[in-house]
N, C-alpha and C. Protein backbone atom coordinates (compact mmCIF):
# COMPACT_ATOMS: atom_id res chain seq x y z
N MET A 1 22.52 10.85 -18.82
CA MET A 1 21.58 10.89 -19.82
C MET A 1 20.45 9.64 -19.77
N LYS A 2 20.92 8.70 -19.56
CA LYS A 2 19.92 7.14 -19.59
C LYS A 2 19.33 7.48 -18.15
N LYS A 3 19.63 7.83 -17.24
CA LYS A 3 18.87 8.27 -15.75
C LYS A 3 17.76 9.27 -16.04
N LEU A 4 18.01 10.18 -16.85
CA LEU A 4 17.11 11.40 -17.14
C LEU A 4 15.97 10.73 -17.92
N ALA A 5 16.33 9.79 -18.94
CA ALA A 5 15.40 9.14 -19.82
C ALA A 5 14.56 8.33 -19.11
N MET A 6 14.92 7.54 -18.23
CA MET A 6 14.44 6.53 -17.58
C MET A 6 13.14 7.17 -16.45
N LEU A 7 13.65 8.43 -15.90
CA LEU A 7 12.89 9.18 -14.85
C LEU A 7 11.78 9.65 -15.79
N CYS A 8 12.04 10.17 -16.78
CA CYS A 8 11.04 10.92 -17.55
C CYS A 8 10.00 9.64 -18.05
N ALA A 9 10.62 8.37 -18.24
CA ALA A 9 9.48 7.44 -18.73
C ALA A 9 8.85 7.15 -17.42
N VAL A 10 9.45 7.02 -16.52
CA VAL A 10 8.23 6.47 -15.18
C VAL A 10 7.31 7.77 -14.90
N MET A 11 7.78 8.83 -15.09
CA MET A 11 6.72 9.97 -14.58
C MET A 11 5.75 9.97 -15.70
N VAL A 12 5.98 9.72 -16.94
CA VAL A 12 4.66 9.58 -18.04
C VAL A 12 3.73 8.45 -17.80
N MET A 13 4.50 7.11 -17.36
CA MET A 13 3.51 6.48 -16.58
C MET A 13 2.78 6.34 -15.60
N LEU A 14 3.26 7.23 -14.75
CA LEU A 14 2.65 7.44 -13.40
C LEU A 14 1.38 8.47 -13.76
N ILE A 15 1.78 9.27 -14.65
CA ILE A 15 0.93 10.29 -14.83
C ILE A 15 -0.40 9.82 -15.96
N THR A 16 -0.10 8.63 -16.91
CA THR A 16 -0.86 8.09 -17.55
C THR A 16 -1.98 7.29 -16.76
N ALA A 17 -1.35 6.48 -15.42
CA ALA A 17 -2.07 5.91 -14.51
C ALA A 17 -3.07 6.74 -13.86
N CYS A 18 -2.51 7.52 -13.37
CA CYS A 18 -3.78 8.44 -12.53
C CYS A 18 -4.68 8.94 -13.53
N ASN A 19 -4.44 9.04 -14.44
CA ASN A 19 -5.17 9.63 -15.58
C ASN A 19 -6.28 8.77 -15.80
N GLN A 20 -6.30 7.44 -15.90
CA GLN A 20 -6.88 6.64 -16.18
C GLN A 20 -7.84 5.98 -15.17
N THR A 21 -7.23 6.37 -13.94
CA THR A 21 -8.23 6.19 -12.58
C THR A 21 -8.97 7.30 -12.86
N THR A 22 -8.79 8.50 -13.00
CA THR A 22 -9.67 9.73 -13.26
C THR A 22 -10.57 9.46 -14.21
N ASP A 23 -10.27 8.81 -15.25
CA ASP A 23 -11.28 8.91 -16.41
C ASP A 23 -12.16 7.66 -15.97
N THR A 24 -11.97 6.82 -15.71
CA THR A 24 -12.84 5.46 -15.01
C THR A 24 -14.08 5.96 -14.33
N ARG A 25 -13.33 6.59 -13.32
CA ARG A 25 -14.27 7.12 -12.26
C ARG A 25 -15.27 8.20 -12.59
N SER A 26 -14.69 8.81 -13.61
CA SER A 26 -15.58 10.07 -14.02
C SER A 26 -16.62 9.44 -15.11
N TYR A 27 -16.02 8.21 -15.96
CA TYR A 27 -17.02 7.65 -16.95
C TYR A 27 -18.14 6.85 -16.09
N ILE A 28 -18.07 6.25 -14.54
CA ILE A 28 -18.89 5.34 -14.05
C ILE A 28 -20.51 6.07 -14.45
N PRO A 29 -20.64 7.36 -13.59
CA PRO A 29 -22.21 7.65 -13.61
C PRO A 29 -22.78 7.79 -15.02
N GLY A 30 -24.04 7.20 -14.95
CA GLY A 30 -24.72 7.40 -16.11
C GLY A 30 -25.88 6.15 -16.61
N VAL A 31 -26.24 6.27 -17.35
CA VAL A 31 -27.24 5.11 -17.90
C VAL A 31 -26.92 4.29 -19.02
N TYR A 32 -27.03 2.83 -18.89
CA TYR A 32 -26.43 1.83 -19.39
C TYR A 32 -27.67 0.84 -19.69
N VAL A 33 -27.64 0.57 -20.70
CA VAL A 33 -29.00 -0.64 -21.31
C VAL A 33 -28.42 -1.90 -21.84
N ASN A 34 -28.85 -3.02 -22.01
CA ASN A 34 -28.75 -4.27 -22.72
C ASN A 34 -30.11 -4.84 -22.98
N HIS A 35 -30.24 -5.48 -24.28
CA HIS A 35 -31.22 -5.86 -24.61
C HIS A 35 -30.62 -7.56 -24.88
N SER A 36 -31.67 -8.42 -24.77
CA SER A 36 -30.95 -9.66 -24.69
C SER A 36 -32.27 -10.48 -25.06
N GLN A 37 -32.10 -11.66 -25.97
CA GLN A 37 -33.12 -12.49 -26.27
C GLN A 37 -32.70 -14.00 -26.48
N GLY A 38 -33.35 -14.87 -25.82
CA GLY A 38 -33.27 -16.30 -25.65
C GLY A 38 -34.43 -17.05 -26.22
N GLU A 39 -34.29 -18.36 -25.77
CA GLU A 39 -35.25 -19.22 -26.26
C GLU A 39 -36.78 -19.26 -25.45
N TYR A 40 -36.66 -18.55 -24.13
CA TYR A 40 -37.80 -18.50 -23.24
C TYR A 40 -38.02 -17.05 -22.77
N SER A 41 -37.13 -16.07 -23.60
CA SER A 41 -37.83 -14.70 -23.04
C SER A 41 -36.77 -13.69 -23.62
N LEU A 42 -37.56 -12.36 -23.84
CA LEU A 42 -36.83 -11.33 -24.61
C LEU A 42 -36.70 -10.33 -23.30
N ALA A 43 -35.50 -9.92 -23.36
CA ALA A 43 -35.44 -8.77 -22.29
C ALA A 43 -34.89 -7.36 -22.32
N SER A 44 -34.90 -6.34 -21.63
CA SER A 44 -34.34 -5.09 -21.83
C SER A 44 -33.93 -4.78 -20.48
N ASP A 45 -32.70 -4.50 -20.26
CA ASP A 45 -32.17 -3.86 -18.70
C ASP A 45 -31.84 -2.42 -18.88
N THR A 46 -32.11 -1.53 -18.00
CA THR A 46 -31.51 -0.40 -17.84
C THR A 46 -30.72 -0.13 -16.46
N LEU A 47 -29.45 0.15 -16.52
CA LEU A 47 -28.80 0.38 -15.12
C LEU A 47 -28.74 2.08 -15.09
N VAL A 48 -29.15 2.52 -14.07
CA VAL A 48 -28.80 3.93 -13.86
C VAL A 48 -27.69 3.97 -12.45
N ILE A 49 -26.46 4.20 -13.13
CA ILE A 49 -25.56 4.44 -11.72
C ILE A 49 -25.32 6.16 -11.22
N GLN A 50 -25.31 6.22 -9.99
CA GLN A 50 -25.07 7.34 -9.24
C GLN A 50 -24.00 7.11 -8.31
N ALA A 51 -23.25 8.60 -8.26
CA ALA A 51 -21.95 8.33 -7.32
C ALA A 51 -22.51 8.74 -6.08
N SER A 52 -22.21 8.03 -4.93
CA SER A 52 -22.56 8.36 -3.55
C SER A 52 -21.54 9.21 -2.96
N GLU A 53 -21.13 8.63 -1.80
CA GLU A 53 -19.72 9.55 -0.72
C GLU A 53 -18.73 8.50 -0.89
N SER A 54 -17.85 8.72 -0.90
CA SER A 54 -16.29 8.21 -1.22
C SER A 54 -16.26 7.40 -2.26
N ASN A 55 -16.27 6.22 -1.99
CA ASN A 55 -16.38 4.84 -3.09
C ASN A 55 -17.68 4.24 -3.39
N ASN A 56 -18.58 5.01 -2.72
CA ASN A 56 -19.77 4.01 -2.93
C ASN A 56 -20.84 4.65 -4.25
N TYR A 57 -21.55 3.60 -4.69
CA TYR A 57 -22.24 4.26 -5.83
C TYR A 57 -23.61 3.45 -5.65
N PHE A 58 -24.88 3.99 -6.02
CA PHE A 58 -25.96 3.63 -5.94
C PHE A 58 -26.56 3.20 -7.54
N ILE A 59 -26.93 1.77 -7.61
CA ILE A 59 -27.32 1.39 -8.95
C ILE A 59 -28.75 0.96 -9.10
N HIS A 60 -29.82 1.99 -10.01
CA HIS A 60 -31.12 1.27 -10.30
C HIS A 60 -31.19 0.50 -11.20
N ARG A 61 -31.35 -0.70 -10.92
CA ARG A 61 -31.91 -1.75 -12.17
C ARG A 61 -33.18 -1.86 -12.54
N LYS A 62 -33.68 -1.72 -13.71
CA LYS A 62 -35.18 -1.61 -14.31
C LYS A 62 -34.88 -2.55 -15.28
N THR A 63 -35.53 -3.94 -15.37
CA THR A 63 -35.82 -4.79 -16.26
C THR A 63 -37.34 -5.02 -16.55
N GLY A 64 -37.23 -5.00 -18.22
CA GLY A 64 -38.98 -5.52 -18.76
C GLY A 64 -38.38 -6.57 -19.49
N PHE A 65 -39.40 -7.52 -19.34
CA PHE A 65 -39.20 -8.94 -20.25
C PHE A 65 -40.65 -9.46 -20.70
N ARG A 66 -40.33 -10.23 -21.54
CA ARG A 66 -41.34 -10.88 -22.14
C ARG A 66 -41.32 -12.66 -22.08
N ARG A 67 -41.98 -13.46 -21.32
CA ARG A 67 -41.54 -14.83 -21.34
C ARG A 67 -42.31 -15.27 -22.81
N ILE A 68 -41.44 -16.55 -23.39
CA ILE A 68 -41.99 -16.72 -24.72
C ILE A 68 -42.39 -18.10 -24.25
N THR A 69 -43.56 -18.38 -24.74
CA THR A 69 -44.70 -19.74 -24.50
C THR A 69 -45.20 -20.09 -26.07
N ASP A 70 -44.87 -21.37 -26.14
CA ASP A 70 -45.04 -21.97 -27.56
C ASP A 70 -44.86 -20.93 -28.85
N GLY A 71 -43.74 -20.21 -28.28
CA GLY A 71 -42.88 -19.51 -29.51
C GLY A 71 -43.50 -18.23 -29.68
N LYS A 72 -44.39 -17.93 -28.51
CA LYS A 72 -44.80 -16.21 -28.56
C LYS A 72 -44.69 -15.48 -27.60
N PRO A 73 -44.50 -14.30 -27.58
CA PRO A 73 -44.00 -13.73 -26.61
C PRO A 73 -45.40 -13.38 -25.65
N GLY A 74 -45.12 -13.36 -24.49
CA GLY A 74 -46.27 -12.97 -23.44
C GLY A 74 -46.41 -11.55 -23.06
N LYS A 75 -46.98 -11.37 -22.27
CA LYS A 75 -47.40 -9.96 -21.85
C LYS A 75 -46.06 -9.42 -21.07
N ARG A 76 -45.49 -8.00 -21.31
CA ARG A 76 -44.64 -7.72 -20.75
C ARG A 76 -44.69 -7.22 -19.23
N GLU A 77 -43.59 -7.64 -18.66
CA GLU A 77 -43.56 -7.38 -17.10
C GLU A 77 -42.27 -7.31 -16.63
N TYR A 78 -42.08 -6.47 -15.61
CA TYR A 78 -41.13 -5.59 -15.00
C TYR A 78 -40.69 -5.76 -13.71
N GLU A 79 -39.41 -5.47 -13.38
CA GLU A 79 -38.87 -5.83 -12.22
C GLU A 79 -37.66 -4.26 -12.07
N ILE A 80 -37.78 -4.13 -10.60
CA ILE A 80 -36.87 -3.06 -10.26
C ILE A 80 -35.83 -3.46 -8.98
N GLU A 81 -34.83 -3.30 -9.36
CA GLU A 81 -33.60 -3.45 -7.96
C GLU A 81 -33.04 -2.41 -8.00
N GLU A 82 -32.62 -2.47 -6.18
CA GLU A 82 -31.70 -1.19 -5.97
C GLU A 82 -30.47 -1.85 -5.65
N TRP A 83 -29.17 -1.48 -6.09
CA TRP A 83 -27.86 -2.14 -5.62
C TRP A 83 -27.08 -1.27 -4.88
N ASN A 84 -26.31 -1.49 -4.28
CA ASN A 84 -25.35 -0.37 -3.47
C ASN A 84 -23.81 -1.02 -3.89
N ALA A 85 -22.94 -0.48 -4.69
CA ALA A 85 -21.89 -1.12 -5.00
C ALA A 85 -20.73 -0.14 -4.25
N LEU A 86 -19.71 -0.74 -4.34
CA LEU A 86 -18.10 0.01 -3.81
C LEU A 86 -17.11 -0.33 -5.02
N TYR A 87 -16.54 0.77 -5.14
CA TYR A 87 -15.42 0.99 -6.29
C TYR A 87 -14.32 0.64 -5.72
N ASP A 88 -13.24 -0.55 -6.55
CA ASP A 88 -11.97 -0.40 -6.30
C ASP A 88 -11.33 0.13 -6.95
N GLU A 89 -10.21 0.81 -6.46
CA GLU A 89 -9.24 1.57 -7.26
C GLU A 89 -8.21 0.95 -8.08
N GLY A 90 -8.07 -0.47 -7.33
CA GLY A 90 -7.08 -1.06 -8.22
C GLY A 90 -7.66 -1.79 -9.22
N THR A 91 -8.90 -2.33 -9.12
CA THR A 91 -9.20 -3.20 -10.56
C THR A 91 -10.06 -2.15 -11.34
N LYS A 92 -10.43 -0.96 -10.82
CA LYS A 92 -11.39 0.40 -11.66
C LYS A 92 -12.72 -0.42 -11.60
N SER A 93 -13.13 -1.16 -10.65
CA SER A 93 -14.47 -1.97 -11.04
C SER A 93 -15.31 -1.58 -9.69
N LEU A 94 -16.26 -1.76 -9.91
CA LEU A 94 -17.59 -1.87 -8.83
C LEU A 94 -17.96 -3.38 -8.33
N THR A 95 -18.06 -3.65 -6.93
CA THR A 95 -18.45 -4.90 -6.47
C THR A 95 -19.81 -4.46 -5.62
N GLU A 96 -21.00 -5.04 -6.13
CA GLU A 96 -22.29 -4.82 -5.92
C GLU A 96 -22.28 -5.67 -4.40
N SER A 97 -22.79 -4.88 -3.43
CA SER A 97 -22.58 -5.46 -1.94
C SER A 97 -23.46 -6.66 -1.57
N ARG A 98 -24.70 -6.55 -1.97
CA ARG A 98 -25.66 -8.15 -1.70
C ARG A 98 -25.14 -9.44 -2.37
N LYS A 99 -25.19 -9.38 -3.71
CA LYS A 99 -24.69 -10.68 -4.07
C LYS A 99 -23.22 -10.88 -4.62
N GLY A 100 -22.44 -9.97 -4.42
CA GLY A 100 -21.11 -9.99 -5.25
C GLY A 100 -20.98 -9.56 -6.57
N LYS A 101 -21.69 -9.21 -7.25
CA LYS A 101 -21.57 -9.09 -8.67
C LYS A 101 -20.43 -8.07 -8.96
N LEU A 102 -19.62 -8.36 -10.10
CA LEU A 102 -18.80 -7.59 -10.21
C LEU A 102 -18.57 -6.88 -11.78
N ILE A 103 -18.71 -5.52 -11.81
CA ILE A 103 -19.19 -4.60 -12.88
C ILE A 103 -17.79 -3.83 -13.00
N THR A 104 -17.59 -4.30 -14.15
CA THR A 104 -16.10 -3.86 -15.16
C THR A 104 -16.33 -2.62 -16.08
N PHE A 105 -15.73 -1.73 -16.05
CA PHE A 105 -16.13 -0.83 -17.19
C PHE A 105 -14.95 -0.57 -18.14
N TYR A 106 -15.40 -0.32 -19.71
CA TYR A 106 -14.42 0.05 -20.82
C TYR A 106 -15.21 1.08 -21.33
N PRO A 107 -14.16 2.36 -20.65
CA PRO A 107 -14.95 3.58 -21.23
C PRO A 107 -14.78 3.73 -22.52
N GLU A 108 -13.17 3.38 -23.17
CA GLU A 108 -13.09 3.21 -24.67
C GLU A 108 -13.94 2.53 -25.52
N ALA A 109 -14.69 1.66 -25.36
CA ALA A 109 -15.68 1.01 -25.88
C ALA A 109 -17.07 1.48 -25.40
N ASN A 110 -17.29 2.45 -24.69
CA ASN A 110 -18.57 3.06 -24.16
C ASN A 110 -19.23 1.86 -23.38
N LYS A 111 -18.58 0.88 -22.74
CA LYS A 111 -19.56 -0.31 -22.02
C LYS A 111 -19.20 -0.59 -20.60
N LEU A 112 -19.91 -1.53 -20.15
CA LEU A 112 -19.75 -2.06 -18.65
C LEU A 112 -20.18 -3.40 -18.91
N PHE A 113 -19.62 -4.17 -18.19
CA PHE A 113 -20.00 -5.94 -18.19
C PHE A 113 -20.57 -6.23 -16.65
N VAL A 114 -21.53 -6.89 -16.49
CA VAL A 114 -21.91 -7.42 -15.22
C VAL A 114 -21.69 -8.64 -15.28
N GLY A 115 -20.56 -9.30 -15.07
CA GLY A 115 -20.25 -10.62 -14.85
C GLY A 115 -20.19 -10.51 -16.79
N LYS A 116 -20.94 -11.26 -17.55
CA LYS A 116 -20.64 -11.46 -19.00
C LYS A 116 -21.72 -10.89 -19.47
N ARG A 117 -22.33 -10.20 -19.12
CA ARG A 117 -23.46 -9.30 -19.71
C ARG A 117 -23.33 -7.66 -19.96
N ALA A 118 -23.06 -7.55 -21.34
CA ALA A 118 -22.62 -6.28 -21.61
C ALA A 118 -23.46 -5.18 -21.71
N TYR A 119 -23.62 -4.03 -21.47
CA TYR A 119 -24.18 -2.91 -21.28
C TYR A 119 -23.80 -1.73 -22.08
N LYS A 120 -24.36 -0.93 -22.66
CA LYS A 120 -23.71 0.20 -23.71
C LYS A 120 -24.09 1.04 -22.92
N LYS A 121 -23.51 2.39 -22.71
CA LYS A 121 -23.57 3.70 -22.17
C LYS A 121 -24.46 4.31 -23.05
N ILE A 122 -25.85 4.89 -22.77
CA ILE A 122 -26.52 5.86 -23.56
C ILE A 122 -26.14 7.42 -23.13
N ASN A 123 -26.12 7.55 -21.83
CA ASN A 123 -26.05 9.29 -21.13
C ASN A 123 -25.20 8.82 -19.95
């Protein structure tokens, strides 16, 4: 009887682990935003993540920012970056290939983190 209970517990853990991997992978594609403000700038970041082939993802980063000079925000400026990232099944995260940025996902909180910067999923 104890062996049957132990076997059932192991099966439940395996099924749960498989579902979490699937849930994280299916959660990744979408649009994420971050707004930040500091002493020297105001910024809005948008990440658009698209699945590619196998474990590869394309990430389009669009940033709008205003430099603060003498306490006043200046003209809005823009930057666009294109990233490629690889999904790691073990850590359920993406690693950006050029600079090695780690992108971690928290589907239950509807967020991702690029390093320490949090982004909220909007779509």
